[in-house]
Each structure stands twice: as structure tokens, then as C-alpha cells.
């Protein structure tokens, strides 16, 4: 059996446990930072697409309103 796995000892000493805990904290902090950065950009994109759909539907509604008014004037 190996005593060393890619720089991480496999014994159950306090220094090994501390090394694993510090490594896990750094990985967790990095993952949380990555998630918060990417989450904000994806929510911004969703808000942008939603805003574009609102503008599109407003323009379609406005066009139908204008057409209805024109047809009512022609009668």
C-alpha cells in the first residue's frame, strides 16, 4: 500500500487531517466564488432576454392597436 497519494499522506495523524481540512476549505471557497461569479452573469442574461421579450410583445400589441384603429377609421 502506498504511503503517499499525490503529495497527500495516507496516515491518520493530526497534521494529515489538518492538511486535508485546509485543502477542503480552499476547494470549497473556490467553488463558492466560481458559483457566485457565474450565477450573476447567467441571471443578467435571463433578465436581458426577458426584457427583450417584453419590448417585442409591447411592439406587437402596439402594432395591432394601430391596425385596429385604422380599420375602425375606414368603416
PDB file of N, CA and C in Angstrom:
ATOM      1  N   UNK A   1       0.840  -1.174   0.000  1.00  0.00           N
ATOM      2  CA  UNK A   1       0.000   0.000   0.000  1.00  0.00           C
ATOM      3  C   UNK A   1       0.890   1.245   0.000  1.00  0.00           C
ATOM      4  N   UNK A   2       0.457   2.265  -0.726  1.00  0.00           N
ATOM      5  CA  UNK A   2       1.235   3.500  -0.805  1.00  0.00           C
ATOM      6  C   UNK A   2       1.101   4.288   0.491  1.00  0.00           C
ATOM      7  N   UNK A   3       2.162   4.972   0.841  1.00  0.00           N
ATOM      8  CA  UNK A   3       2.116   5.863   1.993  1.00  0.00           C
ATOM      9  C   UNK A   3       1.860   7.299   1.579  1.00  0.00           C
ATOM     10  N   UNK A   4       1.832   7.556   0.280  1.00  0.00           N
ATOM     11  CA  UNK A   4       1.715   8.917  -0.197  1.00  0.00           C
ATOM     12  C   UNK A   4       0.873   8.910  -1.475  1.00  0.00           C
ATOM     13  N   UNK A   5      -0.151   9.736  -1.542  1.00  0.00           N
ATOM     14  CA  UNK A   5      -1.020   9.807  -2.710  1.00  0.00           C
ATOM     15  C   UNK A   5      -0.978  11.226  -3.262  1.00  0.00           C
ATOM     16  N   UNK A   6      -0.162  11.451  -4.279  1.00  0.00           N
ATOM     17  CA  UNK A   6      -0.010  12.762  -4.910  1.00  0.00           C
ATOM     18  C   UNK A   6       0.273  13.874  -3.900  1.00  0.00           C
ATOM     19  N   UNK A   7       1.171  13.619  -3.001  1.00  0.00           N
ATOM     20  CA  UNK A   7       1.552  14.623  -2.017  1.00  0.00           C
ATOM     21  C   UNK A   7       0.693  14.629  -0.770  1.00  0.00           C
ATOM     22  N   UNK A   8      -0.277  13.748  -0.689  1.00  0.00           N
ATOM     23  CA  UNK A   8      -1.138  13.659   0.489  1.00  0.00           C
ATOM     24  C   UNK A   8      -0.874  12.338   1.196  1.00  0.00           C
ATOM     25  N   UNK A   9      -0.359  12.415   2.413  1.00  0.00           N
ATOM     26  CA  UNK A   9      -0.098  11.174   3.151  1.00  0.00           C
ATOM     27  C   UNK A   9      -1.401  10.452   3.485  1.00  0.00           C
ATOM     28  N   UNK A  10      -1.305   9.149   3.664  1.00  0.00           N
ATOM     29  CA  UNK A  10      -2.485   8.334   3.919  1.00  0.00           C
ATOM     30  C   UNK A  10      -2.604   7.898   5.378  1.00  0.00           C
ATOM     31  N   UNK A  11      -1.772   8.460   6.258  1.00  0.00           N
ATOM     32  CA  UNK A  11      -1.880   8.078   7.666  1.00  0.00           C
ATOM     33  C   UNK A  11      -2.991   8.889   8.336  1.00  0.00           C
ATOM     34  N   UNK A  12      -3.243   8.627   9.602  1.00  0.00           N
ATOM     35  CA  UNK A  12      -4.356   9.269  10.308  1.00  0.00           C
ATOM     36  C   UNK A  12      -3.846  10.226  11.384  1.00  0.00           C
ATOM     37  N   UNK A  13      -2.752  10.909  11.103  1.00  0.00           N
ATOM     38  CA  UNK A  13      -2.182  11.816  12.103  1.00  0.00           C
ATOM     39  C   UNK A  13      -2.902  13.164  12.069  1.00  0.00           C
ATOM     40  N   UNK A  14      -2.681  13.956  13.096  1.00  0.00           N
ATOM     41  CA  UNK A  14      -3.320  15.275  13.188  1.00  0.00           C
ATOM     42  C   UNK A  14      -2.844  16.196  12.068  1.00  0.00           C
ATOM     43  N   UNK A  15      -1.580  16.137  11.707  1.00  0.00           N
ATOM     44  CA  UNK A  15      -1.073  17.012  10.645  1.00  0.00           C
ATOM     45  C   UNK A  15      -1.699  16.639   9.297  1.00  0.00           C
ATOM     46  N   UNK A  16      -1.932  15.346   9.067  1.00  0.00           N
ATOM     47  CA  UNK A  16      -2.580  14.931   7.824  1.00  0.00           C
ATOM     48  C   UNK A  16      -4.025  15.405   7.790  1.00  0.00           C
ATOM     49  N   UNK A  17      -4.729  15.274   8.902  1.00  0.00           N
ATOM     50  CA  UNK A  17      -6.119  15.738   8.966  1.00  0.00           C
ATOM     51  C   UNK A  17      -6.202  17.243   8.758  1.00  0.00           C
ATOM     52  N   UNK A  18      -5.265  17.991   9.341  1.00  0.00           N
ATOM     53  CA  UNK A  18      -5.229  19.436   9.162  1.00  0.00           C
ATOM     54  C   UNK A  18      -4.971  19.786   7.695  1.00  0.00           C
ATOM     55  N   UNK A  19      -4.053  19.049   7.060  1.00  0.00           N
ATOM     56  CA  UNK A  19      -3.755  19.295   5.647  1.00  0.00           C
ATOM     57  C   UNK A  19      -4.988  19.056   4.789  1.00  0.00           C
ATOM     58  N   UNK A  20      -5.714  17.965   5.045  1.00  0.00           N
ATOM     59  CA  UNK A  20      -6.940  17.681   4.293  1.00  0.00           C
ATOM     60  C   UNK A  20      -8.025  18.726   4.565  1.00  0.00           C
ATOM     61  N   UNK A  21      -8.160  19.171   5.808  1.00  0.00           N
ATOM     62  CA  UNK A  21      -9.163  20.194   6.140  1.00  0.00           C
ATOM     63  C   UNK A  21      -8.865  21.514   5.443  1.00  0.00           C
ATOM     64  N   UNK A  22      -7.598  21.927   5.443  1.00  0.00           N
ATOM     65  CA  UNK A  22      -7.227  23.172   4.772  1.00  0.00           C
ATOM     66  C   UNK A  22      -7.462  23.072   3.265  1.00  0.00           C
ATOM     67  N   UNK A  23      -7.129  21.922   2.701  1.00  0.00           N
ATOM     68  CA  UNK A  23      -7.348  21.714   1.275  1.00  0.00           C
ATOM     69  C   UNK A  23      -8.844  21.756   0.942  1.00  0.00           C
ATOM     70  N   UNK A  24      -9.657  21.117   1.768  1.00  0.00           N
ATOM     71  CA  UNK A  24     -11.106  21.104   1.542  1.00  0.00           C
ATOM     72  C   UNK A  24     -11.690  22.509   1.672  1.00  0.00           C
ATOM     73  N   UNK A  25     -11.226  23.293   2.628  1.00  0.00           N
ATOM     74  CA  UNK A  25     -11.710  24.671   2.784  1.00  0.00           C
ATOM     75  C   UNK A  25     -11.362  25.518   1.560  1.00  0.00           C
ATOM     76  N   UNK A  26     -10.123  25.362   1.049  1.00  0.00           N
ATOM     77  CA  UNK A  26      -9.730  26.116  -0.144  1.00  0.00           C
ATOM     78  C   UNK A  26     -10.563  25.712  -1.358  1.00  0.00           C
ATOM     79  N   UNK A  27     -10.809  24.420  -1.528  1.00  0.00           N
ATOM     80  CA  UNK A  27     -11.619  23.952  -2.653  1.00  0.00           C
ATOM     81  C   UNK A  27     -13.052  24.471  -2.522  1.00  0.00           C
ATOM     82  N   UNK A  28     -13.609  24.438  -1.315  1.00  0.00           N
ATOM     83  CA  UNK A  28     -14.976  24.911  -1.092  1.00  0.00           C
ATOM     84  C   UNK A  28     -15.079  26.415  -1.349  1.00  0.00           C
ATOM     85  N   UNK A  29     -14.105  27.174  -0.877  1.00  0.00           N
ATOM     86  CA  UNK A  29     -14.099  28.614  -1.100  1.00  0.00           C
ATOM     87  C   UNK A  29     -14.002  28.940  -2.587  1.00  0.00           C
ATOM     88  N   UNK A  30     -13.167  28.207  -3.300  1.00  0.00           N
ATOM     89  CA  UNK A  30     -13.034  28.409  -4.734  1.00  0.00           C
ATOM     90  C   UNK A  30     -14.314  28.068  -5.476  1.00  0.00           C
ATOM     91  N   UNK A  31     -14.973  26.984  -5.083  1.00  0.00           N
ATOM     92  CA  UNK A  31     -16.223  26.590  -5.732  1.00  0.00           C
ATOM     93  C   UNK A  31     -17.314  27.619  -5.477  1.00  0.00           C
ATOM     94  N   UNK A  32     -17.413  28.119  -4.247  1.00  0.00           N
ATOM     95  CA  UNK A  32     -18.414  29.140  -3.933  1.00  0.00           C
ATOM     96  C   UNK A  32     -18.161  30.422  -4.714  1.00  0.00           C
ATOM     97  N   UNK A  33     -16.896  30.809  -4.830  1.00  0.00           N
ATOM     98  CA  UNK A  33     -16.555  32.004  -5.594  1.00  0.00           C
ATOM     99  C   UNK A  33     -16.916  31.827  -7.064  1.00  0.00           C
ATOM    100  N   UNK A  34     -16.626  30.667  -7.606  1.00  0.00           N
ATOM    101  CA  UNK A  34     -16.945  30.375  -9.002  1.00  0.00           C
ATOM    102  C   UNK A  34     -18.456  30.410  -9.232  1.00  0.00           C
ATOM    103  N   UNK A  35     -19.209  29.821  -8.318  1.00  0.00           N
ATOM    104  CA  UNK A  35     -20.670  29.787  -8.456  1.00  0.00           C
ATOM    105  C   UNK A  35     -21.282  31.184  -8.395  1.00  0.00           C
ATOM    106  N   UNK A  36     -20.814  32.034  -7.495  1.00  0.00           N
ATOM    107  CA  UNK A  36     -21.389  33.368  -7.388  1.00  0.00           C
ATOM    108  C   UNK A  36     -21.052  34.223  -8.600  1.00  0.00           C
ATOM    109  N   UNK A  37     -19.847  34.066  -9.150  1.00  0.00           N
ATOM    110  CA  UNK A  37     -19.499  34.826 -10.356  1.00  0.00           C
ATOM    111  C   UNK A  37     -20.347  34.399 -11.539  1.00  0.00           C
ATOM    112  N   UNK A  38     -20.514  33.119 -11.738  1.00  0.00           N
ATOM    113  CA  UNK A  38     -21.256  32.631 -12.890  1.00  0.00           C
ATOM    114  C   UNK A  38     -22.757  32.797 -12.718  1.00  0.00           C
ATOM    115  N   UNK A  39     -23.227  32.767 -11.501  1.00  0.00           N
ATOM    116  CA  UNK A  39     -24.660  32.922 -11.270  1.00  0.00           C
ATOM    117  C   UNK A  39     -25.113  34.328 -11.626  1.00  0.00           C
ATOM    118  N   UNK A  40     -24.327  35.329 -11.300  1.00  0.00           N
ATOM    119  CA  UNK A  40     -24.727  36.696 -11.598  1.00  0.00           C
ATOM    120  C   UNK A  40     -24.769  36.943 -13.101  1.00  0.00           C
ATOM    121  N   UNK A  41     -23.830  36.392 -13.842  1.00  0.00           N
ATOM    122  CA  UNK A  41     -23.824  36.628 -15.282  1.00  0.00           C
ATOM    123  C   UNK A  41     -24.979  35.897 -15.961  1.00  0.00           C
ATOM    124  N   UNK A  42     -25.333  34.714 -15.474  1.00  0.00           N
ATOM    125  CA  UNK A  42     -26.450  33.993 -16.092  1.00  0.00           C
ATOM    126  C   UNK A  42     -27.772  34.661 -15.755  1.00  0.00           C
ATOM    127  N   UNK A  43     -27.923  35.196 -14.546  1.00  0.00           N
ATOM    128  CA  UNK A  43     -29.172  35.879 -14.215  1.00  0.00           C
ATOM    129  C   UNK A  43     -29.286  37.192 -14.992  1.00  0.00           C
ATOM    130  N   UNK A  44     -28.165  37.840 -15.266  1.00  0.00           N
ATOM    131  CA  UNK A  44     -28.193  39.045 -16.092  1.00  0.00           C
ATOM    132  C   UNK A  44     -28.659  38.719 -17.507  1.00  0.00           C
ATOM    133  N   UNK A  45     -28.208  37.591 -18.035  1.00  0.00           N
ATOM    134  CA  UNK A  45     -28.616  37.187 -19.386  1.00  0.00           C
ATOM    135  C   UNK A  45     -30.105  36.874 -19.424  1.00  0.00           C
ATOM    136  N   UNK A  46     -30.610  36.227 -18.386  1.00  0.00           N
ATOM    137  CA  UNK A  46     -32.041  35.903 -18.329  1.00  0.00           C
ATOM    138  C   UNK A  46     -32.865  37.190 -18.250  1.00  0.00           C
ATOM    139  N   UNK A  47     -32.397  38.147 -17.467  1.00  0.00           N
ATOM    140  CA  UNK A  47     -33.110  39.421 -17.371  1.00  0.00           C
ATOM    141  C   UNK A  47     -33.090  40.158 -18.705  1.00  0.00           C
ATOM    142  N   UNK A  48     -31.987  40.098 -19.426  1.00  0.00           N
ATOM    143  CA  UNK A  48     -31.889  40.755 -20.725  1.00  0.00           C
ATOM    144  C   UNK A  48     -32.863  40.130 -21.724  1.00  0.00           C
ATOM    145  N   UNK A  49     -32.905  38.805 -21.772  1.00  0.00           N
ATOM    146  CA  UNK A  49     -33.820  38.120 -22.692  1.00  0.00           C
ATOM    147  C   UNK A  49     -35.264  38.430 -22.314  1.00  0.00           C
ATOM    148  N   UNK A  50     -35.572  38.439 -21.026  1.00  0.00           N
ATOM    149  CA  UNK A  50     -36.925  38.778 -20.583  1.00  0.00           C
ATOM    150  C   UNK A  50     -37.309  40.193 -20.977  1.00  0.00           C
ATOM    151  N   UNK A  51     -36.382  41.116 -20.844  1.00  0.00           N
ATOM    152  CA  UNK A  51     -36.650  42.495 -21.252  1.00  0.00           C
ATOM    153  C   UNK A  51     -36.889  42.617 -22.744  1.00  0.00           C
ATOM    154  N   UNK A  52     -36.112  41.877 -23.522  1.00  0.00           N
ATOM    155  CA  UNK A  52     -36.307  41.906 -24.978  1.00  0.00           C
ATOM    156  C   UNK A  52     -37.676  41.333 -25.371  1.00  0.00           C
ATOM    157  N   UNK A  53     -38.104  40.266 -24.694  1.00  0.00           N
ATOM    158  CA  UNK A  53     -39.431  39.712 -24.969  1.00  0.00           C
ATOM    159  C   UNK A  53     -40.534  40.705 -24.605  1.00  0.00           C
ATOM    160  N   UNK A  54     -40.363  41.416 -23.498  1.00  0.00           N
ATOM    161  CA  UNK A  54     -41.368  42.417 -23.112  1.00  0.00           C
ATOM    162  C   UNK A  54     -41.477  43.508 -24.176  1.00  0.00           C
ATOM    163  N   UNK A  55     -40.339  43.970 -24.661  1.00  0.00           N
ATOM    164  CA  UNK A  55     -40.344  45.004 -25.701  1.00  0.00           C
ATOM    165  C   UNK A  55     -40.987  44.471 -26.973  1.00  0.00           C
ATOM    166  N   UNK A  56     -40.660  43.239 -27.359  1.00  0.00           N
ATOM    167  CA  UNK A  56     -41.230  42.637 -28.557  1.00  0.00           C
ATOM    168  C   UNK A  56     -42.753  42.527 -28.454  1.00  0.00           C
ATOM    169  N   UNK A  57     -43.253  42.023 -27.322  1.00  0.00           N
ATOM    170  CA  UNK A  57     -44.696  41.891 -27.153  1.00  0.00           C
ATOM    171  C   UNK A  57     -45.380  43.254 -27.084  1.00  0.00           C
ATOM    172  N   UNK A  58     -44.718  44.233 -26.499  1.00  0.00           N
ATOM    173  CA  UNK A  58     -45.296  45.577 -26.461  1.00  0.00           C
ATOM    174  C   UNK A  58     -45.404  46.154 -27.877  1.00  0.00           C
ATOM    175  N   UNK A  59     -44.381  45.944 -28.698  1.00  0.00           N
ATOM    176  CA  UNK A  59     -44.427  46.433 -30.081  1.00  0.00           C
ATOM    177  C   UNK A  59     -45.510  45.721 -30.889  1.00  0.00           C
ATOM    178  N   UNK A  60     -45.664  44.413 -30.683  1.00  0.00           N
ATOM    179  CA  UNK A  60     -46.708  43.671 -31.383  1.00  0.00           C
ATOM    180  C   UNK A  60     -48.085  44.174 -30.951  1.00  0.00           C
ATOM    181  N   UNK A  61     -48.273  44.368 -29.665  1.00  0.00           N
ATOM    182  CA  UNK A  61     -49.544  44.901 -29.168  1.00  0.00           C
ATOM    183  C   UNK A  61     -49.817  46.298 -29.707  1.00  0.00           C
ATOM    184  N   UNK A  62     -48.794  47.129 -29.758  1.00  0.00           N
ATOM    185  CA  UNK A  62     -48.944  48.477 -30.291  1.00  0.00           C
ATOM    186  C   UNK A  62     -49.336  48.435 -31.772  1.00  0.00           C
ATOM    187  N   UNK A  63     -48.684  47.536 -32.536  1.00  0.00           N
ATOM    188  CA  UNK A  63     -48.996  47.416 -33.968  1.00  0.00           C
ATOM    189  C   UNK A  63     -50.436  46.959 -34.171  1.00  0.00           C
ATOM    190  N   UNK A  64     -50.892  45.983 -33.387  1.00  0.00           N
ATOM    191  CA  UNK A  64     -52.278  45.536 -33.509  1.00  0.00           C
ATOM    192  C   UNK A  64     -53.258  46.639 -33.111  1.00  0.00           C
ATOM    193  N   UNK A  65     -52.902  47.412 -32.108  1.00  0.00           N
ATOM    194  CA  UNK A  65     -53.751  48.543 -31.717  1.00  0.00           C
ATOM    195  C   UNK A  65     -53.863  49.574 -32.820  1.00  0.00           C
ATOM    196  N   UNK A  66     -52.756  49.893 -33.456  1.00  0.00           N
ATOM    197  CA  UNK A  66     -52.757  50.844 -34.575  1.00  0.00           C
ATOM    198  C   UNK A  66     -53.599  50.297 -35.731  1.00  0.00           C
ATOM    199  N   UNK A  67     -53.419  49.015 -36.078  1.00  0.00           N
ATOM    200  CA  UNK A  67     -54.190  48.412 -37.162  1.00  0.00           C
ATOM    201  C   UNK A  67     -55.686  48.417 -36.848  1.00  0.00           C
ATOM    202  N   UNK A  68     -56.050  48.130 -35.622  1.00  0.00           N
ATOM    203  CA  UNK A  68     -57.460  48.141 -35.223  1.00  0.00           C
ATOM    204  C   UNK A  68     -58.035  49.550 -35.363  1.00  0.00           C
ATOM    205  N   UNK A  69     -57.267  50.537 -34.936  1.00  0.00           N
ATOM    206  CA  UNK A  69     -57.726  51.921 -35.031  1.00  0.00           C
ATOM    207  C   UNK A  69     -57.904  52.326 -36.497  1.00  0.00           C
ATOM    208  N   UNK A  70     -56.950  51.925 -37.359  1.00  0.00           N
ATOM    209  CA  UNK A  70     -57.022  52.246 -38.793  1.00  0.00           C
ATOM    210  C   UNK A  70     -58.264  51.608 -39.416  1.00  0.00           C
ATOM    211  N   UNK A  71     -58.522  50.337 -39.125  1.00  0.00           N
ATOM    212  CA  UNK A  71     -59.691  49.657 -39.690  1.00  0.00           C
ATOM    213  C   UNK A  71     -61.007  50.257 -39.182  1.00  0.00           C
ATOM    214  N   UNK A  72     -61.010  50.707 -37.924  1.00  0.00           N
ATOM    215  CA  UNK A  72     -62.207  51.367 -37.388  1.00  0.00           C
ATOM    216  C   UNK A  72     -62.448  52.724 -38.071  1.00  0.00           C
ATOM    217  N   UNK A  73     -61.372  53.409 -38.431  1.00  0.00           N
ATOM    218  CA  UNK A  73     -61.500  54.689 -39.115  1.00  0.00           C
ATOM    219  C   UNK A  73     -61.997  54.524 -40.554  1.00  0.00           C
ATOM    220  N   UNK A  74     -61.658  53.385 -41.171  1.00  0.00           N
ATOM    221  CA  UNK A  74     -62.052  53.145 -42.550  1.00  0.00           C
ATOM    222  C   UNK A  74     -63.548  52.778 -42.672  1.00  0.00           C
ATOM    223  N   UNK A  75     -64.155  52.300 -41.611  1.00  0.00           N
ATOM    224  CA  UNK A  75     -65.565  51.873 -41.676  1.00  0.00           C
ATOM    225  C   UNK A  75     -66.503  53.022 -41.804  1.00  0.00           C
TER     226      UNK A  75
END
